[in-house]
Protein backbone atom coordinates (compact mmCIF):
# COMPACT_ATOMS: atom_id res chain seq x y z
CA UNK A 1 -6.55 37.75 33.35
CA UNK A 2 -10.39 37.72 33.49
CA UNK A 3 -10.58 41.28 34.65
CA UNK A 4 -7.93 42.48 32.06
CA UNK A 5 -10.73 40.83 29.54
CA UNK A 6 -13.47 42.50 31.29
CA UNK A 7 -12.14 45.74 30.83
CA UNK A 8 -10.82 45.35 27.20
CA UNK A 9 -14.30 44.05 26.71
CA UNK A 10 -15.73 47.33 28.20
CA UNK A 11 -13.02 49.39 25.87
CA UNK A 12 -14.42 47.75 22.71
CA UNK A 13 -18.11 48.47 23.25
CA UNK A 14 -17.15 52.04 23.97
CA UNK A 15 -17.57 51.80 27.99
CA UNK A 16 -14.68 53.81 29.72
CA UNK A 17 -12.05 51.31 30.67
CA UNK A 18 -12.25 51.96 34.21
CA UNK A 19 -15.96 50.30 34.27
CA UNK A 20 -15.52 46.52 33.45
CA UNK A 21 -18.43 44.90 31.28
CA UNK A 22 -18.78 41.15 33.09
CA UNK A 23 -20.46 38.92 30.42
CA UNK A 24 -23.58 37.19 31.76
CA UNK A 25 -24.45 33.53 31.58
CA UNK A 26 -22.22 30.65 31.84
CA UNK A 27 -19.43 28.94 29.90
CA UNK A 28 -20.14 25.96 27.92
CA UNK A 29 -18.63 22.52 29.30
CA UNK A 30 -16.43 20.31 27.31
CA UNK A 31 -18.92 17.88 27.43
CA UNK A 32 -22.10 19.96 25.82
CA UNK A 33 -20.48 20.29 22.85
CA UNK A 34 -22.10 18.05 20.41
CA UNK A 35 -20.35 15.49 18.47
CA UNK A 36 -19.93 16.21 14.76
CA UNK A 37 -21.86 12.53 14.28
CA UNK A 38 -24.58 14.65 16.17
CA UNK A 39 -24.09 17.87 14.18
CA UNK A 40 -24.31 15.80 10.58
CA UNK A 41 -27.21 14.01 11.25
CA UNK A 42 -29.21 17.30 11.63
CA UNK A 43 -28.34 17.45 8.43
CA UNK A 44 -30.54 15.16 7.41
CA UNK A 45 -33.87 16.95 7.53
CA UNK A 46 -32.23 20.34 6.22
CA UNK A 47 -34.35 21.86 3.27
CA UNK A 48 -31.27 22.52 1.29
CA UNK A 49 -30.24 18.99 0.98
CA UNK A 50 -33.50 17.79 -0.07
CA UNK A 51 -33.77 20.12 -2.45
CA UNK A 52 -30.43 18.86 -4.10
CA UNK A 53 -31.38 15.31 -3.30
CA UNK A 54 -34.06 16.00 -5.27
CA UNK A 55 -32.42 17.61 -7.86
CA UNK A 56 -29.94 14.51 -8.13
CA UNK A 57 -32.63 12.38 -8.61
CA UNK A 58 -34.60 14.05 -11.41
CA UNK A 59 -30.97 14.42 -12.80
CA UNK A 60 -30.44 10.68 -12.70
CA UNK A 61 -33.94 9.79 -13.99
CA UNK A 62 -33.36 12.31 -17.37
CA UNK A 63 -30.08 10.80 -17.77
CA UNK A 64 -31.58 6.93 -17.76
CA UNK A 65 -34.73 8.22 -19.81
CA UNK A 66 -32.20 9.88 -22.63
CA UNK A 67 -30.31 6.67 -22.99
CA UNK A 68 -33.50 4.81 -23.36
CA UNK A 69 -34.73 7.30 -25.70
CA UNK A 70 -31.40 6.92 -27.82
CA UNK A 71 -32.57 3.47 -28.91
CA UNK A 72 -34.60 3.42 -31.87
CA UNK A 73 -38.03 1.56 -31.47
CA UNK A 74 -38.70 -1.39 -33.91
CA UNK A 75 -42.61 -0.55 -33.94
CA UNK A 76 -41.67 3.04 -35.50
CA UNK A 77 -41.83 3.47 -39.29
CA UNK A 78 -38.00 4.04 -40.55
CA UNK A 79 -37.91 7.85 -42.29
């Protein structure tokens, strides 16, 4: 099965089918795969997420300011 896969790899890469290409390196051990929690924890420092959080904070602040500005000020003269 492995030899057949190496020959198919050679064919796809444009090499003759008789010359099998054997991949270098090792296989990933199942225990070496990071957990989903570890992958998601790395997103805390992602610049795009930081920008989205900043945009959200700015939108919340704008909404609070607009709600505050919607009330009339008693010290202002009436039109």
